[in-house]
Amino acid sequence: MNLIGIPLVDWSNGIIMIAVFAFVVIAMIAVLVSLMNSGKRR
């Protein structure tokens, strides 16, 4: 059991997953801001 030799994070896949998650969060925030701005027009 060599814990040092086992990588805890797979960076090749992890960076892609983090980028996709960040893109989804930014897209949801953009949609939320768009809905808030469109709701104030009367």
Protein backbone atom coordinates (compact mmCIF):
# COMPACT_ATOMS: atom_id res chain seq x y z
CA MET A 1 0.00 0.00 0.00
CA ASN A 2 2.03 2.92 -1.30
CA LEU A 3 -0.24 5.97 -0.98
CA ILE A 4 2.43 8.33 -2.33
CA GLY A 5 2.61 6.50 -5.65
CA ILE A 6 -1.15 6.68 -6.20
CA PRO A 7 -2.27 10.02 -7.69
CA LEU A 8 -5.24 11.37 -5.77
CA VAL A 9 -6.36 13.53 -8.70
CA ASP A 10 -6.36 12.70 -12.39
CA TRP A 11 -5.43 16.14 -13.71
CA SER A 12 -5.92 15.27 -17.38
CA ASN A 13 -9.60 14.52 -16.73
CA GLY A 14 -10.04 16.79 -13.70
CA ILE A 15 -9.17 20.01 -15.49
CA ILE A 16 -11.68 19.21 -18.23
CA MET A 17 -14.40 18.44 -15.68
CA ILE A 18 -13.68 21.67 -13.76
CA ALA A 19 -13.80 23.68 -17.00
CA VAL A 20 -17.13 22.13 -18.00
CA PHE A 21 -18.56 22.73 -14.52
CA ALA A 22 -17.38 26.36 -14.54
CA PHE A 23 -18.93 26.87 -18.00
CA VAL A 24 -22.26 25.45 -16.80
CA VAL A 25 -22.24 27.68 -13.70
CA ILE A 26 -21.43 30.80 -15.76
CA ALA A 27 -24.17 29.92 -18.26
CA MET A 28 -26.73 29.48 -15.45
CA ILE A 29 -25.73 32.83 -13.92
CA ALA A 30 -26.07 34.51 -17.35
CA VAL A 31 -29.55 33.03 -17.82
CA LEU A 32 -30.55 34.13 -14.32
CA VAL A 33 -29.34 37.70 -14.90
CA SER A 34 -31.12 37.75 -18.27
CA LEU A 35 -34.39 36.63 -16.68
CA MET A 36 -34.02 39.22 -13.89
CA ASN A 37 -33.42 42.01 -16.40
CA SER A 38 -36.31 40.98 -18.64
CA GLY A 39 -38.70 40.80 -15.69
CA LYS A 40 -38.18 44.44 -14.72
CA ARG A 41 -39.39 45.84 -18.07
CA ARG A 42 -42.93 47.21 -17.66
